[in-house]
Amino acid sequence: MRQLAIVATLRSGTEEQARRLLESGPPFDPRERGFERHTVFLGANQVVFVFEGKEVEWRLDDLVDDQYAWVFQAALEAWRPLIEGEPRIARLAYTWPKDAHRPKTAEH
């Protein structure tokens, strides 16, 4: 399973607005879009959207480019005023599974 994160810096004072946007869950059906897991981390000045699954980058590209995914496009617009600068992509660089004998780096 592959993982991909979208990291965005929040404008000062927007953490509570971001929390409210996240309360209703994702503006798409993760299973229908082919994701195996979707997680969001929220901090005082940052939000991190983590997507997991096979061909995760392609699936995320398809979602973002789908002009007919009206609810998702509206959600992107709702986030726009809360985000400072451009969101960035982060790829897995290290993971430690409990059952491993030694740490592993990300597979490419």
PDB file of N, CA and C in Angstrom:
ATOM      1  N   MET A   1       0.848  -1.172   0.000  1.00  0.00           N
ATOM      2  CA  MET A   1       0.000   0.000   0.000  1.00  0.00           C
ATOM      3  C   MET A   1       0.893   1.235   0.000  1.00  0.00           C
ATOM      4  N   ARG A   2       0.568   2.175  -0.818  1.00  0.00           N
ATOM      5  CA  ARG A   2       1.311   3.428  -0.922  1.00  0.00           C
ATOM      6  C   ARG A   2       0.621   4.510  -0.103  1.00  0.00           C
ATOM      7  N   GLN A   3       1.420   5.476   0.335  1.00  0.00           N
ATOM      8  CA  GLN A   3       0.887   6.597   1.098  1.00  0.00           C
ATOM      9  C   GLN A   3       1.347   7.903   0.457  1.00  0.00           C
ATOM     10  N   LEU A   4       0.486   8.897   0.540  1.00  0.00           N
ATOM     11  CA  LEU A   4       0.797  10.214   0.030  1.00  0.00           C
ATOM     12  C   LEU A   4       0.129  11.225   0.956  1.00  0.00           C
ATOM     13  N   ALA A   5       0.838  12.289   1.262  1.00  0.00           N
ATOM     14  CA  ALA A   5       0.269  13.323   2.128  1.00  0.00           C
ATOM     15  C   ALA A   5       0.249  14.661   1.406  1.00  0.00           C
ATOM     16  N   ILE A   6      -0.769  15.429   1.674  1.00  0.00           N
ATOM     17  CA  ILE A   6      -0.855  16.813   1.224  1.00  0.00           C
ATOM     18  C   ILE A   6      -0.737  17.658   2.486  1.00  0.00           C
ATOM     19  N   VAL A   7       0.272  18.515   2.523  1.00  0.00           N
ATOM     20  CA  VAL A   7       0.566  19.332   3.702  1.00  0.00           C
ATOM     21  C   VAL A   7       0.280  20.786   3.356  1.00  0.00           C
ATOM     22  N   ALA A   8      -0.513  21.442   4.197  1.00  0.00           N
ATOM     23  CA  ALA A   8      -0.849  22.841   3.949  1.00  0.00           C
ATOM     24  C   ALA A   8      -0.666  23.648   5.232  1.00  0.00           C
ATOM     25  N   THR A   9      -0.179  24.854   5.069  1.00  0.00           N
ATOM     26  CA  THR A   9      -0.025  25.781   6.189  1.00  0.00           C
ATOM     27  C   THR A   9      -1.319  26.566   6.348  1.00  0.00           C
ATOM     28  N   LEU A  10      -1.831  26.586   7.569  1.00  0.00           N
ATOM     29  CA  LEU A  10      -3.058  27.326   7.855  1.00  0.00           C
ATOM     30  C   LEU A  10      -2.729  28.782   8.164  1.00  0.00           C
ATOM     31  N   ARG A  11      -3.597  29.663   7.717  1.00  0.00           N
ATOM     32  CA  ARG A  11      -3.464  31.073   8.094  1.00  0.00           C
ATOM     33  C   ARG A  11      -3.686  31.182   9.601  1.00  0.00           C
ATOM     34  N   SER A  12      -3.066  32.138  10.209  1.00  0.00           N
ATOM     35  CA  SER A  12      -3.182  32.348  11.647  1.00  0.00           C
ATOM     36  C   SER A  12      -4.650  32.504  12.052  1.00  0.00           C
ATOM     37  N   GLY A  13      -5.048  31.779  13.094  1.00  0.00           N
ATOM     38  CA  GLY A  13      -6.389  31.894  13.636  1.00  0.00           C
ATOM     39  C   GLY A  13      -7.461  31.096  12.910  1.00  0.00           C
ATOM     40  N   THR A  14      -7.084  30.208  12.007  1.00  0.00           N
ATOM     41  CA  THR A  14      -8.090  29.465  11.243  1.00  0.00           C
ATOM     42  C   THR A  14      -8.236  28.001  11.676  1.00  0.00           C
ATOM     43  N   GLU A  15      -7.557  27.597  12.740  1.00  0.00           N
ATOM     44  CA  GLU A  15      -7.612  26.196  13.164  1.00  0.00           C
ATOM     45  C   GLU A  15      -9.046  25.743  13.469  1.00  0.00           C
ATOM     46  N   GLU A  16      -9.828  26.570  14.148  1.00  0.00           N
ATOM     47  CA  GLU A  16     -11.195  26.179  14.491  1.00  0.00           C
ATOM     48  C   GLU A  16     -12.065  26.056  13.237  1.00  0.00           C
ATOM     49  N   GLN A  17     -11.896  26.951  12.275  1.00  0.00           N
ATOM     50  CA  GLN A  17     -12.634  26.839  11.010  1.00  0.00           C
ATOM     51  C   GLN A  17     -12.254  25.540  10.299  1.00  0.00           C
ATOM     52  N   ALA A  18     -10.979  25.209  10.321  1.00  0.00           N
ATOM     53  CA  ALA A  18     -10.508  23.969   9.696  1.00  0.00           C
ATOM     54  C   ALA A  18     -11.132  22.760  10.398  1.00  0.00           C
ATOM     55  N   ARG A  19     -11.172  22.804  11.701  1.00  0.00           N
ATOM     56  CA  ARG A  19     -11.768  21.704  12.475  1.00  0.00           C
ATOM     57  C   ARG A  19     -13.237  21.499  12.074  1.00  0.00           C
ATOM     58  N   ARG A  20     -13.960  22.602  11.898  1.00  0.00           N
ATOM     59  CA  ARG A  20     -15.369  22.506  11.500  1.00  0.00           C
ATOM     60  C   ARG A  20     -15.510  21.903  10.096  1.00  0.00           C
ATOM     61  N   LEU A  21     -14.613  22.252   9.193  1.00  0.00           N
ATOM     62  CA  LEU A  21     -14.669  21.674   7.851  1.00  0.00           C
ATOM     63  C   LEU A  21     -14.429  20.161   7.887  1.00  0.00           C
ATOM     64  N   LEU A  22     -13.604  19.725   8.826  1.00  0.00           N
ATOM     65  CA  LEU A  22     -13.261  18.303   8.920  1.00  0.00           C
ATOM     66  C   LEU A  22     -14.331  17.470   9.631  1.00  0.00           C
ATOM     67  N   GLU A  23     -15.200  18.107  10.403  1.00  0.00           N
ATOM     68  CA  GLU A  23     -16.190  17.383  11.211  1.00  0.00           C
ATOM     69  C   GLU A  23     -17.105  16.475  10.395  1.00  0.00           C
ATOM     70  N   SER A  24     -17.430  16.857   9.191  1.00  0.00           N
ATOM     71  CA  SER A  24     -18.365  16.058   8.392  1.00  0.00           C
ATOM     72  C   SER A  24     -17.667  14.974   7.570  1.00  0.00           C
ATOM     73  N   GLY A  25     -16.376  14.855   7.729  1.00  0.00           N
ATOM     74  CA  GLY A  25     -15.649  13.833   6.987  1.00  0.00           C
ATOM     75  C   GLY A  25     -15.281  14.302   5.590  1.00  0.00           C
ATOM     76  N   PRO A  26     -14.734  13.402   4.789  1.00  0.00           N
ATOM     77  CA  PRO A  26     -14.271  13.807   3.461  1.00  0.00           C
ATOM     78  C   PRO A  26     -15.440  14.117   2.518  1.00  0.00           C
ATOM     79  N   PRO A  27     -15.228  15.052   1.595  1.00  0.00           N
ATOM     80  CA  PRO A  27     -16.275  15.426   0.638  1.00  0.00           C
ATOM     81  C   PRO A  27     -16.292  14.487  -0.577  1.00  0.00           C
ATOM     82  N   PHE A  28     -15.960  13.238  -0.346  1.00  0.00           N
ATOM     83  CA  PHE A  28     -15.969  12.202  -1.378  1.00  0.00           C
ATOM     84  C   PHE A  28     -16.009  10.867  -0.650  1.00  0.00           C
ATOM     85  N   ASP A  29     -16.342   9.819  -1.371  1.00  0.00           N
ATOM     86  CA  ASP A  29     -16.368   8.484  -0.775  1.00  0.00           C
ATOM     87  C   ASP A  29     -14.997   7.851  -1.000  1.00  0.00           C
ATOM     88  N   PRO A  30     -14.167   7.738   0.054  1.00  0.00           N
ATOM     89  CA  PRO A  30     -12.812   7.199  -0.128  1.00  0.00           C
ATOM     90  C   PRO A  30     -12.802   5.800  -0.746  1.00  0.00           C
ATOM     91  N   ARG A  31     -13.722   4.959  -0.333  1.00  0.00           N
ATOM     92  CA  ARG A  31     -13.779   3.589  -0.876  1.00  0.00           C
ATOM     93  C   ARG A  31     -14.103   3.625  -2.369  1.00  0.00           C
ATOM     94  N   GLU A  32     -15.096   4.438  -2.730  1.00  0.00           N
ATOM     95  CA  GLU A  32     -15.502   4.547  -4.132  1.00  0.00           C
ATOM     96  C   GLU A  32     -14.355   5.067  -5.004  1.00  0.00           C
ATOM     97  N   ARG A  33     -13.525   5.919  -4.442  1.00  0.00           N
ATOM     98  CA  ARG A  33     -12.395   6.492  -5.174  1.00  0.00           C
ATOM     99  C   ARG A  33     -11.166   5.583  -5.168  1.00  0.00           C
ATOM    100  N   GLY A  34     -11.248   4.439  -4.493  1.00  0.00           N
ATOM    101  CA  GLY A  34     -10.163   3.471  -4.525  1.00  0.00           C
ATOM    102  C   GLY A  34      -9.121   3.623  -3.438  1.00  0.00           C
ATOM    103  N   PHE A  35      -9.378   4.479  -2.460  1.00  0.00           N
ATOM    104  CA  PHE A  35      -8.440   4.621  -1.347  1.00  0.00           C
ATOM    105  C   PHE A  35      -8.702   3.524  -0.322  1.00  0.00           C
ATOM    106  N   GLU A  36      -7.658   3.097   0.352  1.00  0.00           N
ATOM    107  CA  GLU A  36      -7.800   2.093   1.404  1.00  0.00           C
ATOM    108  C   GLU A  36      -7.872   2.728   2.783  1.00  0.00           C
ATOM    109  N   ARG A  37      -7.339   3.925   2.903  1.00  0.00           N
ATOM    110  CA  ARG A  37      -7.396   4.662   4.168  1.00  0.00           C
ATOM    111  C   ARG A  37      -7.200   6.142   3.855  1.00  0.00           C
ATOM    112  N   HIS A  38      -7.865   6.994   4.653  1.00  0.00           N
ATOM    113  CA  HIS A  38      -7.708   8.449   4.525  1.00  0.00           C
ATOM    114  C   HIS A  38      -7.704   9.022   5.938  1.00  0.00           C
ATOM    115  N   THR A  39      -6.675   9.766   6.269  1.00  0.00           N
ATOM    116  CA  THR A  39      -6.502  10.324   7.607  1.00  0.00           C
ATOM    117  C   THR A  39      -6.150  11.800   7.479  1.00  0.00           C
ATOM    118  N   VAL A  40      -6.600  12.614   8.438  1.00  0.00           N
ATOM    119  CA  VAL A  40      -6.246  14.029   8.444  1.00  0.00           C
ATOM    120  C   VAL A  40      -5.692  14.386   9.820  1.00  0.00           C
ATOM    121  N   PHE A  41      -4.548  15.070   9.826  1.00  0.00           N
ATOM    122  CA  PHE A  41      -3.939  15.585  11.050  1.00  0.00           C
ATOM    123  C   PHE A  41      -4.111  17.099  11.030  1.00  0.00           C
ATOM    124  N   LEU A  42      -4.513  17.657  12.168  1.00  0.00           N
ATOM    125  CA  LEU A  42      -4.724  19.096  12.264  1.00  0.00           C
ATOM    126  C   LEU A  42      -3.916  19.651  13.425  1.00  0.00           C
ATOM    127  N   GLY A  43      -3.125  20.666  13.137  1.00  0.00           N
ATOM    128  CA  GLY A  43      -2.347  21.351  14.162  1.00  0.00           C
ATOM    129  C   GLY A  43      -2.719  22.823  14.182  1.00  0.00           C
ATOM    130  N   ALA A  44      -2.065  23.583  15.037  1.00  0.00           N
ATOM    131  CA  ALA A  44      -2.375  24.998  15.187  1.00  0.00           C
ATOM    132  C   ALA A  44      -2.135  25.780  13.897  1.00  0.00           C
ATOM    133  N   ASN A  45      -1.152  25.353  13.112  1.00  0.00           N
ATOM    134  CA  ASN A  45      -0.857  26.100  11.888  1.00  0.00           C
ATOM    135  C   ASN A  45      -0.656  25.200  10.671  1.00  0.00           C
ATOM    136  N   GLN A  46      -1.149  23.969  10.760  1.00  0.00           N
ATOM    137  CA  GLN A  46      -0.919  23.046   9.659  1.00  0.00           C
ATOM    138  C   GLN A  46      -2.020  21.999   9.589  1.00  0.00           C
ATOM    139  N   VAL A  47      -2.310  21.548   8.372  1.00  0.00           N
ATOM    140  CA  VAL A  47      -3.225  20.431   8.162  1.00  0.00           C
ATOM    141  C   VAL A  47      -2.534  19.468   7.199  1.00  0.00           C
ATOM    142  N   VAL A  48      -2.652  18.171   7.515  1.00  0.00           N
ATOM    143  CA  VAL A  48      -2.019  17.140   6.705  1.00  0.00           C
ATOM    144  C   VAL A  48      -3.078  16.109   6.330  1.00  0.00           C
ATOM    145  N   PHE A  49      -3.316  15.970   5.034  1.00  0.00           N
ATOM    146  CA  PHE A  49      -4.265  14.986   4.508  1.00  0.00           C
ATOM    147  C   PHE A  49      -3.450  13.795   4.019  1.00  0.00           C
ATOM    148  N   VAL A  50      -3.692  12.613   4.582  1.00  0.00           N
ATOM    149  CA  VAL A  50      -2.946  11.417   4.206  1.00  0.00           C
ATOM    150  C   VAL A  50      -3.887  10.476   3.458  1.00  0.00           C
ATOM    151  N   PHE A  51      -3.430  10.046   2.296  1.00  0.00           N
ATOM    152  CA  PHE A  51      -4.189   9.122   1.452  1.00  0.00           C
ATOM    153  C   PHE A  51      -3.380   7.848   1.311  1.00  0.00           C
ATOM    154  N   GLU A  52      -4.044   6.695   1.410  1.00  0.00           N
ATOM    155  CA  GLU A  52      -3.355   5.419   1.294  1.00  0.00           C
ATOM    156  C   GLU A  52      -4.117   4.501   0.344  1.00  0.00           C
ATOM    157  N   GLY A  53      -3.364   3.736  -0.429  1.00  0.00           N
ATOM    158  CA  GLY A  53      -3.957   2.771  -1.334  1.00  0.00           C
ATOM    159  C   GLY A  53      -3.046   2.494  -2.511  1.00  0.00           C
ATOM    160  N   LYS A  54      -3.504   1.628  -3.379  1.00  0.00           N
ATOM    161  CA  LYS A  54      -2.767   1.324  -4.600  1.00  0.00           C
ATOM    162  C   LYS A  54      -2.906   2.491  -5.559  1.00  0.00           C
ATOM    163  N   GLU A  55      -1.831   2.804  -6.255  1.00  0.00           N
ATOM    164  CA  GLU A  55      -1.833   3.899  -7.236  1.00  0.00           C
ATOM    165  C   GLU A  55      -2.409   5.184  -6.628  1.00  0.00           C
ATOM    166  N   VAL A  56      -2.030   5.462  -5.400  1.00  0.00           N
ATOM    167  CA  VAL A  56      -2.623   6.568  -4.647  1.00  0.00           C
ATOM    168  C   VAL A  56      -2.440   7.918  -5.343  1.00  0.00           C
ATOM    169  N   GLU A  57      -1.289   8.137  -5.972  1.00  0.00           N
ATOM    170  CA  GLU A  57      -1.078   9.424  -6.632  1.00  0.00           C
ATOM    171  C   GLU A  57      -2.044   9.610  -7.800  1.00  0.00           C
ATOM    172  N   TRP A  58      -2.245   8.559  -8.577  1.00  0.00           N
ATOM    173  CA  TRP A  58      -3.157   8.636  -9.721  1.00  0.00           C
ATOM    174  C   TRP A  58      -4.585   8.834  -9.242  1.00  0.00           C
ATOM    175  N   ARG A  59      -4.961   8.135  -8.190  1.00  0.00           N
ATOM    176  CA  ARG A  59      -6.327   8.260  -7.676  1.00  0.00           C
ATOM    177  C   ARG A  59      -6.591   9.675  -7.153  1.00  0.00           C
ATOM    178  N   LEU A  60      -5.599  10.250  -6.491  1.00  0.00           N
ATOM    179  CA  LEU A  60      -5.739  11.617  -5.984  1.00  0.00           C
ATOM    180  C   LEU A  60      -5.797  12.610  -7.141  1.00  0.00           C
ATOM    181  N   ASP A  61      -4.949  12.421  -8.150  1.00  0.00           N
ATOM    182  CA  ASP A  61      -4.998  13.283  -9.341  1.00  0.00           C
ATOM    183  C   ASP A  61      -6.375  13.233  -9.991  1.00  0.00           C
ATOM    184  N   ASP A  62      -6.917  12.017 -10.135  1.00  0.00           N
ATOM    185  CA  ASP A  62      -8.242  11.865 -10.746  1.00  0.00           C
ATOM    186  C   ASP A  62      -9.307  12.608  -9.944  1.00  0.00           C
ATOM    187  N   LEU A  63      -9.221  12.526  -8.631  1.00  0.00           N
ATOM    188  CA  LEU A  63     -10.197  13.203  -7.775  1.00  0.00           C
ATOM    189  C   LEU A  63     -10.103  14.718  -7.938  1.00  0.00           C
ATOM    190  N   VAL A  64      -8.902  15.250  -7.891  1.00  0.00           N
ATOM    191  CA  VAL A  64      -8.710  16.701  -7.998  1.00  0.00           C
ATOM    192  C   VAL A  64      -9.133  17.215  -9.376  1.00  0.00           C
ATOM    193  N   ASP A  65      -8.865  16.427 -10.417  1.00  0.00           N
ATOM    194  CA  ASP A  65      -9.181  16.851 -11.785  1.00  0.00           C
ATOM    195  C   ASP A  65     -10.630  16.609 -12.194  1.00  0.00           C
ATOM    196  N   ASP A  66     -11.404  15.897 -11.381  1.00  0.00           N
ATOM    197  CA  ASP A  66     -12.789  15.563 -11.729  1.00  0.00           C
ATOM    198  C   ASP A  66     -13.689  16.787 -11.545  1.00  0.00           C
ATOM    199  N   GLN A  67     -13.980  17.470 -12.648  1.00  0.00           N
ATOM    200  CA  GLN A  67     -14.800  18.679 -12.602  1.00  0.00           C
ATOM    201  C   GLN A  67     -16.244  18.386 -12.223  1.00  0.00           C
ATOM    202  N   TYR A  68     -16.640  17.113 -12.292  1.00  0.00           N
ATOM    203  CA  TYR A  68     -18.009  16.743 -11.969  1.00  0.00           C
ATOM    204  C   TYR A  68     -18.168  16.316 -10.513  1.00  0.00           C
ATOM    205  N   ALA A  69     -17.084  16.318  -9.769  1.00  0.00           N
ATOM    206  CA  ALA A  69     -17.154  16.015  -8.335  1.00  0.00           C
ATOM    207  C   ALA A  69     -17.471  17.335  -7.619  1.00  0.00           C
ATOM    208  N   TRP A  70     -18.708  17.775  -7.745  1.00  0.00           N
ATOM    209  CA  TRP A  70     -19.114  19.104  -7.272  1.00  0.00           C
ATOM    210  C   TRP A  70     -18.868  19.303  -5.782  1.00  0.00           C
ATOM    211  N   VAL A  71     -19.188  18.316  -4.985  1.00  0.00           N
ATOM    212  CA  VAL A  71     -19.024  18.455  -3.536  1.00  0.00           C
ATOM    213  C   VAL A  71     -17.541  18.612  -3.194  1.00  0.00           C
ATOM    214  N   PHE A  72     -16.693  17.828  -3.852  1.00  0.00           N
ATOM    215  CA  PHE A  72     -15.255  17.933  -3.615  1.00  0.00           C
ATOM    216  C   PHE A  72     -14.727  19.293  -4.060  1.00  0.00           C
ATOM    217  N   GLN A  73     -15.143  19.748  -5.223  1.00  0.00           N
ATOM    218  CA  GLN A  73     -14.691  21.060  -5.719  1.00  0.00           C
ATOM    219  C   GLN A  73     -15.143  22.179  -4.772  1.00  0.00           C
ATOM    220  N   ALA A  74     -16.357  22.083  -4.243  1.00  0.00           N
ATOM    221  CA  ALA A  74     -16.846  23.082  -3.283  1.00  0.00           C
ATOM    222  C   ALA A  74     -16.013  23.047  -1.999  1.00  0.00           C
ATOM    223  N   ALA A  75     -15.608  21.842  -1.581  1.00  0.00           N
ATOM    224  CA  ALA A  75     -14.778  21.713  -0.379  1.00  0.00           C
ATOM    225  C   ALA A  75     -13.411  22.366  -0.595  1.00  0.00           C
ATOM    226  N   LEU A  76     -12.846  22.174  -1.776  1.00  0.00           N
ATOM    227  CA  LEU A  76     -11.561  22.834  -2.073  1.00  0.00           C
ATOM    228  C   LEU A  76     -11.695  24.349  -1.945  1.00  0.00           C
ATOM    229  N   GLU A  77     -12.803  24.883  -2.457  1.00  0.00           N
ATOM    230  CA  GLU A  77     -13.042  26.325  -2.371  1.00  0.00           C
ATOM    231  C   GLU A  77     -13.213  26.782  -0.921  1.00  0.00           C
ATOM    232  N   ALA A  78     -13.839  25.951  -0.095  1.00  0.00           N
ATOM    233  CA  ALA A  78     -14.024  26.297   1.324  1.00  0.00           C
ATOM    234  C   ALA A  78     -12.683  26.339   2.059  1.00  0.00           C
ATOM    235  N   TRP A  79     -11.740  25.482   1.655  1.00  0.00           N
ATOM    236  CA  TRP A  79     -10.419  25.453   2.295  1.00  0.00           C
ATOM    237  C   TRP A  79      -9.530  26.613   1.831  1.00  0.00           C
ATOM    238  N   ARG A  80      -9.728  27.077   0.607  1.00  0.00           N
ATOM    239  CA  ARG A  80      -8.828  28.075   0.011  1.00  0.00           C
ATOM    240  C   ARG A  80      -8.545  29.287   0.913  1.00  0.00           C
ATOM    241  N   PRO A  81      -9.553  29.922   1.542  1.00  0.00           N
ATOM    242  CA  PRO A  81      -9.257  31.095   2.382  1.00  0.00           C
ATOM    243  C   PRO A  81      -8.488  30.750   3.671  1.00  0.00           C
ATOM    244  N   LEU A  82      -8.474  29.471   4.046  1.00  0.00           N
ATOM    245  CA  LEU A  82      -7.789  29.075   5.281  1.00  0.00           C
ATOM    246  C   LEU A  82      -6.313  28.746   5.061  1.00  0.00           C
ATOM    247  N   ILE A  83      -5.940  28.516   3.815  1.00  0.00           N
ATOM    248  CA  ILE A  83      -4.602  28.035   3.479  1.00  0.00           C
ATOM    249  C   ILE A  83      -3.691  29.189   3.066  1.00  0.00           C
ATOM    250  N   GLU A  84      -2.514  29.195   3.622  1.00  0.00           N
ATOM    251  CA  GLU A  84      -1.508  30.188   3.251  1.00  0.00           C
ATOM    252  C   GLU A  84      -0.517  29.536   2.287  1.00  0.00           C
ATOM    253  N   GLY A  85      -0.334  30.142   1.126  1.00  0.00           N
ATOM    254  CA  GLY A  85       0.579  29.581   0.137  1.00  0.00           C
ATOM    255  C   GLY A  85      -0.038  28.375  -0.551  1.00  0.00           C
ATOM    256  N   GLU A  86       0.809  27.587  -1.176  1.00  0.00           N
ATOM    257  CA  GLU A  86       0.366  26.400  -1.911  1.00  0.00           C
ATOM    258  C   GLU A  86       0.555  25.142  -1.072  1.00  0.00           C
ATOM    259  N   PRO A  87      -0.412  24.244  -1.068  1.00  0.00           N
ATOM    260  CA  PRO A  87      -0.217  22.953  -0.396  1.00  0.00           C
ATOM    261  C   PRO A  87       0.941  22.201  -1.061  1.00  0.00           C
ATOM    262  N   ARG A  88       1.594  21.344  -0.284  1.00  0.00           N
ATOM    263  CA  ARG A  88       2.755  20.599  -0.772  1.00  0.00           C
ATOM    264  C   ARG A  88       2.505  19.108  -0.645  1.00  0.00           C
ATOM    265  N   ILE A  89       3.111  18.345  -1.521  1.00  0.00           N
ATOM    266  CA  ILE A  89       3.020  16.885  -1.469  1.00  0.00           C
ATOM    267  C   ILE A  89       4.181  16.365  -0.636  1.00  0.00           C
ATOM    268  N   ALA A  90       3.888  15.416   0.237  1.00  0.00           N
ATOM    269  CA  ALA A  90       4.923  14.738   1.026  1.00  0.00           C
ATOM    270  C   ALA A  90       4.754  13.239   0.800  1.00  0.00           C
ATOM    271  N   ARG A  91       5.866  12.582   0.547  1.00  0.00           N
ATOM    272  CA  ARG A  91       5.846  11.134   0.319  1.00  0.00           C
ATOM    273  C   ARG A  91       6.515  10.427   1.484  1.00  0.00           C
ATOM    274  N   LEU A  92       6.088   9.218   1.725  1.00  0.00           N
ATOM    275  CA  LEU A  92       6.636   8.420   2.814  1.00  0.00           C
ATOM    276  C   LEU A  92       8.146   8.264   2.647  1.00  0.00           C
ATOM    277  N   ALA A  93       8.881   8.562   3.706  1.00  0.00           N
ATOM    278  CA  ALA A  93      10.335   8.424   3.679  1.00  0.00           C
ATOM    279  C   ALA A  93      10.817   7.376   4.675  1.00  0.00           C
ATOM    280  N   TYR A  94      10.010   7.091   5.700  1.00  0.00           N
ATOM    281  CA  TYR A  94      10.423   6.142   6.735  1.00  0.00           C
ATOM    282  C   TYR A  94       9.187   5.585   7.422  1.00  0.00           C
ATOM    283  N   THR A  95       9.250   4.319   7.777  1.00  0.00           N
ATOM    284  CA  THR A  95       8.189   3.711   8.574  1.00  0.00           C
ATOM    285  C   THR A  95       8.801   2.624   9.450  1.00  0.00           C
ATOM    286  N   TRP A  96       8.205   2.415  10.594  1.00  0.00           N
ATOM    287  CA  TRP A  96       8.653   1.367  11.500  1.00  0.00           C
ATOM    288  C   TRP A  96       7.466   0.497  11.869  1.00  0.00           C
ATOM    289  N   PRO A  97       7.376  -0.700  11.310  1.00  0.00           N
ATOM    290  CA  PRO A  97       6.319  -1.616  11.733  1.00  0.00           C
ATOM    291  C   PRO A  97       6.771  -2.429  12.942  1.00  0.00           C
ATOM    292  N   LYS A  98       5.887  -2.653  13.858  1.00  0.00           N
ATOM    293  CA  LYS A  98       6.189  -3.358  15.108  1.00  0.00           C
ATOM    294  C   LYS A  98       6.844  -4.716  14.889  1.00  0.00           C
ATOM    295  N   ASP A  99       6.410  -5.430  13.873  1.00  0.00           N
ATOM    296  CA  ASP A  99       6.924  -6.776  13.658  1.00  0.00           C
ATOM    297  C   ASP A  99       8.223  -6.838  12.851  1.00  0.00           C
ATOM    298  N   ALA A 100       8.793  -5.694  12.511  1.00  0.00           N
ATOM    299  CA  ALA A 100      10.031  -5.673  11.733  1.00  0.00           C
ATOM    300  C   ALA A 100      11.247  -5.869  12.640  1.00  0.00           C
ATOM    301  N   HIS A 101      12.272  -6.480  12.081  1.00  0.00           N
ATOM    302  CA  HIS A 101      13.517  -6.676  12.829  1.00  0.00           C
ATOM    303  C   HIS A 101      14.372  -5.425  12.833  1.00  0.00           C
ATOM    304  N   ARG A 102      14.255  -4.651  11.776  1.00  0.00           N
ATOM    305  CA  ARG A 102      15.003  -3.382  11.699  1.00  0.00           C
ATOM    306  C   ARG A 102      14.181  -2.377  10.915  1.00  0.00           C
ATOM    307  N   PRO A 103      14.448  -1.075  11.115  1.00  0.00           N
ATOM    308  CA  PRO A 103      13.666  -0.041  10.413  1.00  0.00           C
ATOM    309  C   PRO A 103      13.795  -0.171   8.913  1.00  0.00           C
ATOM    310  N   LYS A 104      12.734   0.230   8.212  1.00  0.00           N
ATOM    311  CA  LYS A 104      12.718   0.193   6.760  1.00  0.00           C
ATOM    312  C   LYS A 104      12.542   1.605   6.230  1.00  0.00           C
ATOM    313  N   THR A 105      13.150   1.864   5.080  1.00  0.00           N
ATOM    314  CA  THR A 105      12.899   3.117   4.386  1.00  0.00           C
ATOM    315  C   THR A 105      11.789   2.876   3.404  1.00  0.00           C
ATOM    316  N   ALA A 106      11.250   3.961   2.873  1.00  0.00           N
ATOM    317  CA  ALA A 106      10.130   3.853   1.939  1.00  0.00           C
ATOM    318  C   ALA A 106      10.546   3.124   0.678  1.00  0.00           C
ATOM    319  N   GLU A 107       9.606   2.369   0.117  1.00  0.00           N
ATOM    320  CA  GLU A 107       9.842   1.697  -1.156  1.00  0.00           C
ATOM    321  C   GLU A 107       9.541   2.670  -2.281  1.00  0.00           C
ATOM    322  N   HIS A 108      10.288   2.566  -3.346  1.00  0.00           N
ATOM    323  CA  HIS A 108      10.049   3.455  -4.494  1.00  0.00           C
ATOM    324  C   HIS A 108       9.517   2.692  -5.647  1.00  0.00           C
TER     325      HIS A 108
END
